[in-house]
Amino acid sequence: MSYKRTVPTVYAVVFPDLHILKVGYSGGQRWRNFVARGAEVLELIEFDDTEEAHAFEGSTHQYLRSRLGPGFRSANDAEPHLGIGGGGWGETYLVPHGINPRQVLAEMSVAK
């Protein structure tokens, strides 16, 4: 499935029933694939250039990896939620029950 090209965007979506947060980069509204599979959009952060977006995405993953465990064990486990091949499964994080994923993102903003 492909979507209209957009400005460089870092997205955060959550699969609420799984308590899994997915963060990634897209220049083509990739988050819509996840929404079609049950995710909810938490944040869409647009950037002027790809390099700036990738740098932000990298620091976001670094922060999340230091605080949360992996969302999926493998691409196979992720495939029903992320699509064919489970691409991006390593960019998912398990949010503990009782913690709101928006809270995790807000704490990240304060920590930076």
Protein backbone atom coordinates (compact mmCIF):
# COMPACT_ATOMS: atom_id res chain seq x y z
CA MET A 1 0.00 0.00 0.00
CA SER A 2 1.50 3.35 -0.88
CA TYR A 3 0.42 6.83 0.09
CA LYS A 4 1.04 10.33 -1.12
CA ARG A 5 4.57 11.56 -0.52
CA THR A 6 4.77 13.89 2.48
CA VAL A 7 7.40 15.92 4.24
CA PRO A 8 9.88 13.91 6.35
CA THR A 9 7.89 12.77 9.38
CA VAL A 10 8.66 10.88 12.56
CA TYR A 11 5.55 9.09 13.78
CA ALA A 12 4.57 7.37 17.01
CA VAL A 13 1.69 4.92 17.01
CA VAL A 14 0.43 2.57 19.68
CA PHE A 15 -1.30 -0.77 19.40
CA PRO A 16 -3.47 -0.29 22.50
CA ASP A 17 -4.53 -3.91 22.96
CA LEU A 18 -0.89 -5.02 22.89
CA HIS A 19 0.61 -2.05 24.79
CA ILE A 20 3.14 -1.73 21.98
CA LEU A 21 4.56 1.59 20.85
CA LYS A 22 6.03 1.92 17.34
CA VAL A 23 8.19 4.87 16.34
CA GLY A 24 9.54 5.39 12.86
CA TYR A 25 10.40 7.68 9.98
CA SER A 26 8.27 8.09 6.88
CA GLY A 27 8.18 10.25 3.81
CA GLY A 28 4.94 8.66 2.67
CA GLN A 29 2.43 8.32 5.50
CA ARG A 30 3.54 4.80 6.49
CA TRP A 31 1.71 5.11 9.82
CA ARG A 32 -1.57 4.69 7.93
CA ASN A 33 -0.67 1.01 7.36
CA PHE A 34 -0.50 0.54 11.12
CA VAL A 35 -3.75 2.41 11.74
CA ALA A 36 -5.44 0.02 9.29
CA ARG A 37 -4.20 -2.80 11.55
CA GLY A 38 -5.52 -1.33 14.80
CA ALA A 39 -2.91 1.23 15.85
CA GLU A 40 -3.70 4.74 17.07
CA VAL A 41 -1.56 7.72 16.06
CA LEU A 42 0.05 9.44 19.06
CA GLU A 43 2.38 11.90 17.32
CA LEU A 44 3.28 13.07 13.83
CA ILE A 45 6.32 15.35 13.90
CA GLU A 46 7.20 16.98 10.58
CA PHE A 47 10.70 18.11 9.64
CA ASP A 48 12.15 20.34 6.94
CA ASP A 49 14.69 17.75 5.85
CA THR A 50 15.31 14.02 5.98
CA GLU A 51 18.59 14.27 7.88
CA GLU A 52 16.98 16.18 10.74
CA ALA A 53 14.11 13.68 10.89
CA HIS A 54 16.47 10.69 10.95
CA ALA A 55 18.56 12.27 13.71
CA PHE A 56 15.45 12.85 15.82
CA GLU A 57 14.22 9.31 15.15
CA GLY A 58 17.60 7.90 16.20
CA SER A 59 17.67 9.79 19.47
CA THR A 60 14.07 8.75 20.13
CA HIS A 61 14.94 5.07 19.69
CA GLN A 62 17.99 5.47 21.92
CA TYR A 63 15.81 6.94 24.67
CA LEU A 64 13.06 4.34 24.33
CA ARG A 65 15.50 1.39 24.25
CA SER A 66 17.00 2.61 27.51
CA ARG A 67 13.60 2.53 29.22
CA LEU A 68 11.37 -0.05 27.54
CA GLY A 69 11.73 -3.62 26.34
CA PRO A 70 11.13 -4.78 22.79
CA GLY A 71 7.56 -4.88 21.54
CA PHE A 72 7.94 -8.00 19.41
CA ARG A 73 10.37 -10.92 19.61
CA SER A 74 10.69 -11.27 15.84
CA ALA A 75 9.48 -10.09 12.46
CA ASN A 76 7.16 -13.10 12.34
CA ASP A 77 5.49 -12.05 15.60
CA ALA A 78 5.09 -8.51 14.30
CA GLU A 79 3.81 -9.33 10.83
CA PRO A 80 0.06 -9.35 11.66
CA HIS A 81 0.42 -5.84 13.07
CA LEU A 82 3.14 -4.25 10.94
CA GLY A 83 2.41 -5.91 7.62
CA ILE A 84 4.22 -8.19 5.21
CA GLY A 85 7.59 -9.21 6.57
CA GLY A 86 7.03 -7.47 9.92
CA GLY A 87 9.26 -4.59 8.78
CA GLY A 88 10.17 -2.20 11.57
CA TRP A 89 9.63 -4.72 14.35
CA GLY A 90 12.89 -3.61 15.98
CA GLU A 91 11.43 -0.12 16.35
CA THR A 92 8.66 -1.30 18.68
CA TYR A 93 8.56 -1.10 22.47
CA LEU A 94 6.45 -2.77 25.13
CA VAL A 95 4.82 -0.17 27.36
CA PRO A 96 4.12 -1.58 30.84
CA HIS A 97 0.47 -1.85 31.86
CA GLY A 98 -0.64 1.18 33.83
CA ILE A 99 1.63 3.54 31.89
CA ASN A 100 0.14 5.68 29.17
CA PRO A 101 2.29 5.70 26.00
CA ARG A 102 1.71 9.46 25.71
CA GLN A 103 3.30 9.79 29.14
CA VAL A 104 6.40 7.97 27.87
CA LEU A 105 6.67 10.39 24.94
CA ALA A 106 6.13 13.41 27.21
CA GLU A 107 8.86 12.20 29.60
CA MET A 108 11.18 11.79 26.63
CA SER A 109 10.60 15.41 25.61
CA VAL A 110 11.43 16.61 29.12
CA ALA A 111 14.54 14.40 29.35
CA LYS A 112 16.09 15.81 26.17
